[in-house]
Amino acid sequence: MDTLDASALRCPLPLLQVKLWLKTATDGQELQLLVSDAGSRQDIPAYLLRMGHGVSVVSDTPSVLTLTITKAP
């Protein structure tokens, strides 16, 4: 599983990084994503679900949200 630590980045950069990863990822490939920006915490899961990708929350602390993203076919 790939890991993308975008916790130091502010919106919209984490979403742009995820979109770039999705372009190169194969169907079913997983990414562990770490974000801290309040906008990214809301926007990224909403975007991924809207696009049909799998999203699960691994941990949600006040400082970092950790997600597992599974690329949809």
PDB file of N, CA and C in Angstrom:
ATOM      1  N   MET A   1       0.845  -1.177   0.000  1.00  0.00           N
ATOM      2  CA  MET A   1       0.000   0.000   0.000  1.00  0.00           C
ATOM      3  C   MET A   1       0.889   1.239   0.000  1.00  0.00           C
ATOM      4  N   ASP A   2       0.536   2.179  -0.856  1.00  0.00           N
ATOM      5  CA  ASP A   2       1.245   3.454  -0.908  1.00  0.00           C
ATOM      6  C   ASP A   2       0.774   4.340   0.240  1.00  0.00           C
ATOM      7  N   THR A   3       1.626   5.275   0.637  1.00  0.00           N
ATOM      8  CA  THR A   3       1.262   6.243   1.669  1.00  0.00           C
ATOM      9  C   THR A   3       1.548   7.639   1.150  1.00  0.00           C
ATOM     10  N   LEU A   4       0.594   8.536   1.352  1.00  0.00           N
ATOM     11  CA  LEU A   4       0.756   9.936   1.003  1.00  0.00           C
ATOM     12  C   LEU A   4       0.524  10.760   2.252  1.00  0.00           C
ATOM     13  N   ASP A   5       1.588  11.358   2.760  1.00  0.00           N
ATOM     14  CA  ASP A   5       1.479  12.213   3.940  1.00  0.00           C
ATOM     15  C   ASP A   5       1.308  13.652   3.461  1.00  0.00           C
ATOM     16  N   ALA A   6       0.062  14.084   3.426  1.00  0.00           N
ATOM     17  CA  ALA A   6      -0.266  15.446   2.997  1.00  0.00           C
ATOM     18  C   ALA A   6      -0.644  16.304   4.202  1.00  0.00           C
ATOM     19  N   SER A   7      -0.225  15.878   5.382  1.00  0.00           N
ATOM     20  CA  SER A   7      -0.615  16.580   6.604  1.00  0.00           C
ATOM     21  C   SER A   7      -0.009  17.978   6.709  1.00  0.00           C
ATOM     22  N   ALA A   8       1.058  18.239   6.002  1.00  0.00           N
ATOM     23  CA  ALA A   8       1.675  19.570   6.047  1.00  0.00           C
ATOM     24  C   ALA A   8       1.113  20.493   4.964  1.00  0.00           C
ATOM     25  N   LEU A   9       0.272  19.946   4.085  1.00  0.00           N
ATOM     26  CA  LEU A   9      -0.263  20.722   2.969  1.00  0.00           C
ATOM     27  C   LEU A   9      -1.636  21.284   3.307  1.00  0.00           C
ATOM     28  N   ARG A  10      -1.956  22.399   2.690  1.00  0.00           N
ATOM     29  CA  ARG A  10      -3.255  23.037   2.883  1.00  0.00           C
ATOM     30  C   ARG A  10      -4.089  22.878   1.617  1.00  0.00           C
ATOM     31  N   CYS A  11      -5.393  22.908   1.801  1.00  0.00           N
ATOM     32  CA  CYS A  11      -6.364  22.789   0.720  1.00  0.00           C
ATOM     33  C   CYS A  11      -6.060  23.848  -0.350  1.00  0.00           C
ATOM     34  N   PRO A  12      -6.054  23.505  -1.605  1.00  0.00           N
ATOM     35  CA  PRO A  12      -6.494  22.284  -2.276  1.00  0.00           C
ATOM     36  C   PRO A  12      -5.367  21.306  -2.616  1.00  0.00           C
ATOM     37  N   LEU A  13      -4.154  21.547  -2.130  1.00  0.00           N
ATOM     38  CA  LEU A  13      -3.021  20.698  -2.524  1.00  0.00           C
ATOM     39  C   LEU A  13      -3.200  19.210  -2.196  1.00  0.00           C
ATOM     40  N   PRO A  14      -3.725  18.830  -1.019  1.00  0.00           N
ATOM     41  CA  PRO A  14      -3.914  17.393  -0.778  1.00  0.00           C
ATOM     42  C   PRO A  14      -4.855  16.738  -1.794  1.00  0.00           C
ATOM     43  N   LEU A  15      -5.919  17.431  -2.169  1.00  0.00           N
ATOM     44  CA  LEU A  15      -6.844  16.878  -3.158  1.00  0.00           C
ATOM     45  C   LEU A  15      -6.160  16.735  -4.511  1.00  0.00           C
ATOM     46  N   LEU A  16      -5.359  17.706  -4.888  1.00  0.00           N
ATOM     47  CA  LEU A  16      -4.626  17.613  -6.153  1.00  0.00           C
ATOM     48  C   LEU A  16      -3.663  16.426  -6.136  1.00  0.00           C
ATOM     49  N   GLN A  17      -2.999  16.191  -5.005  1.00  0.00           N
ATOM     50  CA  GLN A  17      -2.086  15.043  -4.878  1.00  0.00           C
ATOM     51  C   GLN A  17      -2.851  13.724  -5.020  1.00  0.00           C
ATOM     52  N   VAL A  18      -4.035  13.655  -4.414  1.00  0.00           N
ATOM     53  CA  VAL A  18      -4.859  12.440  -4.520  1.00  0.00           C
ATOM     54  C   VAL A  18      -5.292  12.224  -5.966  1.00  0.00           C
ATOM     55  N   LYS A  19      -5.694  13.284  -6.644  1.00  0.00           N
ATOM     56  CA  LYS A  19      -6.102  13.154  -8.048  1.00  0.00           C
ATOM     57  C   LYS A  19      -4.951  12.656  -8.914  1.00  0.00           C
ATOM     58  N   LEU A  20      -3.742  13.149  -8.661  1.00  0.00           N
ATOM     59  CA  LEU A  20      -2.572  12.671  -9.407  1.00  0.00           C
ATOM     60  C   LEU A  20      -2.319  11.192  -9.135  1.00  0.00           C
ATOM     61  N   TRP A  21      -2.460  10.778  -7.872  1.00  0.00           N
ATOM     62  CA  TRP A  21      -2.274   9.367  -7.527  1.00  0.00           C
ATOM     63  C   TRP A  21      -3.315   8.511  -8.240  1.00  0.00           C
ATOM     64  N   LEU A  22      -4.564   8.964  -8.272  1.00  0.00           N
ATOM     65  CA  LEU A  22      -5.630   8.194  -8.917  1.00  0.00           C
ATOM     66  C   LEU A  22      -5.360   7.986 -10.400  1.00  0.00           C
ATOM     67  N   LYS A  23      -4.731   8.961 -11.053  1.00  0.00           N
ATOM     68  CA  LYS A  23      -4.425   8.827 -12.485  1.00  0.00           C
ATOM     69  C   LYS A  23      -3.421   7.708 -12.753  1.00  0.00           C
ATOM     70  N   THR A  24      -2.509   7.481 -11.824  1.00  0.00           N
ATOM     71  CA  THR A  24      -1.463   6.474 -12.052  1.00  0.00           C
ATOM     72  C   THR A  24      -1.754   5.143 -11.375  1.00  0.00           C
ATOM     73  N   ALA A  25      -2.714   5.114 -10.457  1.00  0.00           N
ATOM     74  CA  ALA A  25      -3.018   3.893  -9.701  1.00  0.00           C
ATOM     75  C   ALA A  25      -3.809   2.918 -10.562  1.00  0.00           C
ATOM     76  N   THR A  26      -3.662   1.642 -10.248  1.00  0.00           N
ATOM     77  CA  THR A  26      -4.442   0.612 -10.916  1.00  0.00           C
ATOM     78  C   THR A  26      -5.716   0.343 -10.126  1.00  0.00           C
ATOM     79  N   ASP A  27      -6.706  -0.241 -10.784  1.00  0.00           N
ATOM     80  CA  ASP A  27      -7.968  -0.552 -10.117  1.00  0.00           C
ATOM     81  C   ASP A  27      -7.719  -1.445  -8.914  1.00  0.00           C
ATOM     82  N   GLY A  28      -8.313  -1.088  -7.784  1.00  0.00           N
ATOM     83  CA  GLY A  28      -8.160  -1.860  -6.556  1.00  0.00           C
ATOM     84  C   GLY A  28      -6.944  -1.492  -5.730  1.00  0.00           C
ATOM     85  N   GLN A  29      -6.075  -0.663  -6.273  1.00  0.00           N
ATOM     86  CA  GLN A  29      -4.882  -0.249  -5.527  1.00  0.00           C
ATOM     87  C   GLN A  29      -5.303   0.632  -4.358  1.00  0.00           C
ATOM     88  N   GLU A  30      -4.560   0.535  -3.251  1.00  0.00           N
ATOM     89  CA  GLU A  30      -4.896   1.280  -2.047  1.00  0.00           C
ATOM     90  C   GLU A  30      -3.846   2.332  -1.723  1.00  0.00           C
ATOM     91  N   LEU A  31      -4.318   3.402  -1.110  1.00  0.00           N
ATOM     92  CA  LEU A  31      -3.464   4.505  -0.675  1.00  0.00           C
ATOM     93  C   LEU A  31      -3.846   4.871   0.748  1.00  0.00           C
ATOM     94  N   GLN A  32      -2.854   4.996   1.598  1.00  0.00           N
ATOM     95  CA  GLN A  32      -3.100   5.529   2.938  1.00  0.00           C
ATOM     96  C   GLN A  32      -2.781   7.012   2.871  1.00  0.00           C
ATOM     97  N   LEU A  33      -3.765   7.831   3.210  1.00  0.00           N
ATOM     98  CA  LEU A  33      -3.650   9.282   3.104  1.00  0.00           C
ATOM     99  C   LEU A  33      -3.745   9.910   4.478  1.00  0.00           C
ATOM    100  N   LEU A  34      -2.825  10.829   4.772  1.00  0.00           N
ATOM    101  CA  LEU A  34      -2.842  11.584   6.026  1.00  0.00           C
ATOM    102  C   LEU A  34      -3.064  13.050   5.688  1.00  0.00           C
ATOM    103  N   VAL A  35      -4.120  13.642   6.259  1.00  0.00           N
ATOM    104  CA  VAL A  35      -4.412  15.062   6.046  1.00  0.00           C
ATOM    105  C   VAL A  35      -4.719  15.720   7.383  1.00  0.00           C
ATOM    106  N   SER A  36      -4.442  17.006   7.460  1.00  0.00           N
ATOM    107  CA  SER A  36      -4.735  17.737   8.696  1.00  0.00           C
ATOM    108  C   SER A  36      -5.588  18.971   8.445  1.00  0.00           C
ATOM    109  N   ASP A  37      -5.575  19.482   7.251  1.00  0.00           N
ATOM    110  CA  ASP A  37      -6.322  20.689   6.896  1.00  0.00           C
ATOM    111  C   ASP A  37      -7.830  20.431   6.991  1.00  0.00           C
ATOM    112  N   ALA A  38      -8.548  21.344   7.630  1.00  0.00           N
ATOM    113  CA  ALA A  38      -9.986  21.174   7.854  1.00  0.00           C
ATOM    114  C   ALA A  38     -10.757  21.022   6.539  1.00  0.00           C
ATOM    115  N   GLY A  39     -10.403  21.800   5.547  1.00  0.00           N
ATOM    116  CA  GLY A  39     -11.076  21.698   4.248  1.00  0.00           C
ATOM    117  C   GLY A  39     -10.844  20.354   3.590  1.00  0.00           C
ATOM    118  N   SER A  40      -9.611  19.870   3.652  1.00  0.00           N
ATOM    119  CA  SER A  40      -9.268  18.576   3.059  1.00  0.00           C
ATOM    120  C   SER A  40      -9.972  17.433   3.775  1.00  0.00           C
ATOM    121  N   ARG A  41     -10.132  17.557   5.084  1.00  0.00           N
ATOM    122  CA  ARG A  41     -10.814  16.512   5.863  1.00  0.00           C
ATOM    123  C   ARG A  41     -12.245  16.293   5.362  1.00  0.00           C
ATOM    124  N   GLN A  42     -12.879  17.358   4.883  1.00  0.00           N
ATOM    125  CA  GLN A  42     -14.247  17.248   4.389  1.00  0.00           C
ATOM    126  C   GLN A  42     -14.286  16.991   2.887  1.00  0.00           C
ATOM    127  N   ASP A  43     -13.471  17.726   2.143  1.00  0.00           N
ATOM    128  CA  ASP A  43     -13.549  17.691   0.685  1.00  0.00           C
ATOM    129  C   ASP A  43     -13.079  16.381   0.077  1.00  0.00           C
ATOM    130  N   ILE A  44     -11.993  15.823   0.581  1.00  0.00           N
ATOM    131  CA  ILE A  44     -11.415  14.628  -0.040  1.00  0.00           C
ATOM    132  C   ILE A  44     -12.338  13.414   0.079  1.00  0.00           C
ATOM    133  N   PRO A  45     -12.836  13.066   1.278  1.00  0.00           N
ATOM    134  CA  PRO A  45     -13.756  11.921   1.330  1.00  0.00           C
ATOM    135  C   PRO A  45     -15.009  12.135   0.476  1.00  0.00           C
ATOM    136  N   ALA A  46     -15.557  13.354   0.488  1.00  0.00           N
ATOM    137  CA  ALA A  46     -16.753  13.642  -0.309  1.00  0.00           C
ATOM    138  C   ALA A  46     -16.467  13.463  -1.803  1.00  0.00           C
ATOM    139  N   TYR A  47     -15.340  13.965  -2.267  1.00  0.00           N
ATOM    140  CA  TYR A  47     -14.953  13.825  -3.669  1.00  0.00           C
ATOM    141  C   TYR A  47     -14.796  12.354  -4.050  1.00  0.00           C
ATOM    142  N   LEU A  48     -14.060  11.607  -3.224  1.00  0.00           N
ATOM    143  CA  LEU A  48     -13.801  10.203  -3.533  1.00  0.00           C
ATOM    144  C   LEU A  48     -15.084   9.383  -3.574  1.00  0.00           C
ATOM    145  N   LEU A  49     -15.977   9.607  -2.641  1.00  0.00           N
ATOM    146  CA  LEU A  49     -17.250   8.885  -2.634  1.00  0.00           C
ATOM    147  C   LEU A  49     -18.090   9.257  -3.856  1.00  0.00           C
ATOM    148  N   ARG A  50     -18.099  10.522  -4.206  1.00  0.00           N
ATOM    149  CA  ARG A  50     -18.840  10.985  -5.385  1.00  0.00           C
ATOM    150  C   ARG A  50     -18.307  10.331  -6.660  1.00  0.00           C
ATOM    151  N   MET A  51     -16.992  10.085  -6.701  1.00  0.00           N
ATOM    152  CA  MET A  51     -16.366   9.471  -7.875  1.00  0.00           C
ATOM    153  C   MET A  51     -16.429   7.940  -7.838  1.00  0.00           C
ATOM    154  N   GLY A  52     -16.949   7.370  -6.746  1.00  0.00           N
ATOM    155  CA  GLY A  52     -17.134   5.926  -6.667  1.00  0.00           C
ATOM    156  C   GLY A  52     -15.969   5.156  -6.072  1.00  0.00           C
ATOM    157  N   HIS A  53     -14.984   5.841  -5.534  1.00  0.00           N
ATOM    158  CA  HIS A  53     -13.835   5.175  -4.921  1.00  0.00           C
ATOM    159  C   HIS A  53     -14.169   4.775  -3.485  1.00  0.00           C
ATOM    160  N   GLY A  54     -13.464   3.773  -2.977  1.00  0.00           N
ATOM    161  CA  GLY A  54     -13.657   3.342  -1.600  1.00  0.00           C
ATOM    162  C   GLY A  54     -12.873   4.227  -0.645  1.00  0.00           C
ATOM    163  N   VAL A  55     -13.494   4.568   0.479  1.00  0.00           N
ATOM    164  CA  VAL A  55     -12.841   5.399   1.490  1.00  0.00           C
ATOM    165  C   VAL A  55     -13.168   4.834   2.859  1.00  0.00           C
ATOM    166  N   SER A  56     -12.147   4.579   3.681  1.00  0.00           N
ATOM    167  CA  SER A  56     -12.362   4.171   5.075  1.00  0.00           C
ATOM    168  C   SER A  56     -11.490   5.014   5.977  1.00  0.00           C
ATOM    169  N   VAL A  57     -12.054   5.370   7.115  1.00  0.00           N
ATOM    170  CA  VAL A  57     -11.315   6.142   8.113  1.00  0.00           C
ATOM    171  C   VAL A  57     -10.526   5.162   8.969  1.00  0.00           C
ATOM    172  N   VAL A  58      -9.210   5.326   8.982  1.00  0.00           N
ATOM    173  CA  VAL A  58      -8.336   4.505   9.814  1.00  0.00           C
ATOM    174  C   VAL A  58      -8.258   5.116  11.209  1.00  0.00           C
ATOM    175  N   SER A  59      -8.022   6.422  11.257  1.00  0.00           N
ATOM    176  CA  SER A  59      -8.019   7.127  12.539  1.00  0.00           C
ATOM    177  C   SER A  59      -8.358   8.595  12.295  1.00  0.00           C
ATOM    178  N   ASP A  60      -8.984   9.191  13.293  1.00  0.00           N
ATOM    179  CA  ASP A  60      -9.381  10.589  13.203  1.00  0.00           C
ATOM    180  C   ASP A  60      -9.055  11.256  14.531  1.00  0.00           C
ATOM    181  N   THR A  61      -7.908  11.923  14.573  1.00  0.00           N
ATOM    182  CA  THR A  61      -7.491  12.644  15.768  1.00  0.00           C
ATOM    183  C   THR A  61      -7.635  14.140  15.474  1.00  0.00           C
ATOM    184  N   PRO A  62      -7.566  14.980  16.480  1.00  0.00           N
ATOM    185  CA  PRO A  62      -7.649  16.423  16.215  1.00  0.00           C
ATOM    186  C   PRO A  62      -6.553  16.929  15.280  1.00  0.00           C
ATOM    187  N   SER A  63      -5.426  16.256  15.236  1.00  0.00           N
ATOM    188  CA  SER A  63      -4.326  16.745  14.406  1.00  0.00           C
ATOM    189  C   SER A  63      -4.261  16.109  13.019  1.00  0.00           C
ATOM    190  N   VAL A  64      -4.642  14.829  12.880  1.00  0.00           N
ATOM    191  CA  VAL A  64      -4.496  14.143  11.589  1.00  0.00           C
ATOM    192  C   VAL A  64      -5.658  13.170  11.360  1.00  0.00           C
ATOM    193  N   LEU A  65      -6.176  13.220  10.132  1.00  0.00           N
ATOM    194  CA  LEU A  65      -7.157  12.236   9.676  1.00  0.00           C
ATOM    195  C   LEU A  65      -6.414  11.279   8.756  1.00  0.00           C
ATOM    196  N   THR A  66      -6.527   9.975   9.040  1.00  0.00           N
ATOM    197  CA  THR A  66      -5.879   8.957   8.218  1.00  0.00           C
ATOM    198  C   THR A  66      -6.964   8.153   7.520  1.00  0.00           C
ATOM    199  N   LEU A  67      -6.879   8.123   6.180  1.00  0.00           N
ATOM    200  CA  LEU A  67      -7.848   7.415   5.354  1.00  0.00           C
ATOM    201  C   LEU A  67      -7.154   6.320   4.562  1.00  0.00           C
ATOM    202  N   THR A  68      -7.911   5.278   4.248  1.00  0.00           N
ATOM    203  CA  THR A  68      -7.476   4.315   3.249  1.00  0.00           C
ATOM    204  C   THR A  68      -8.395   4.491   2.051  1.00  0.00           C
ATOM    205  N   ILE A  69      -7.773   4.731   0.898  1.00  0.00           N
ATOM    206  CA  ILE A  69      -8.510   4.949  -0.344  1.00  0.00           C
ATOM    207  C   ILE A  69      -8.277   3.742  -1.236  1.00  0.00           C
ATOM    208  N   THR A  70      -9.345   3.224  -1.813  1.00  0.00           N
ATOM    209  CA  THR A  70      -9.239   2.120  -2.762  1.00  0.00           C
ATOM    210  C   THR A  70      -9.762   2.628  -4.111  1.00  0.00           C
ATOM    211  N   LYS A  71      -8.911   2.563  -5.117  1.00  0.00           N
ATOM    212  CA  LYS A  71      -9.313   3.065  -6.444  1.00  0.00           C
ATOM    213  C   LYS A  71     -10.357   2.142  -7.048  1.00  0.00           C
ATOM    214  N   ALA A  72     -11.425   2.758  -7.515  1.00  0.00           N
ATOM    215  CA  ALA A  72     -12.513   2.008  -8.153  1.00  0.00           C
ATOM    216  C   ALA A  72     -12.134   1.682  -9.598  1.00  0.00           C
ATOM    217  N   PRO A  73     -12.722   0.621 -10.123  1.00  0.00           N
ATOM    218  CA  PRO A  73     -12.463   0.282 -11.542  1.00  0.00           C
ATOM    219  C   PRO A  73     -13.053   1.319 -12.484  1.00  0.00           C
TER     220      PRO A  73
END
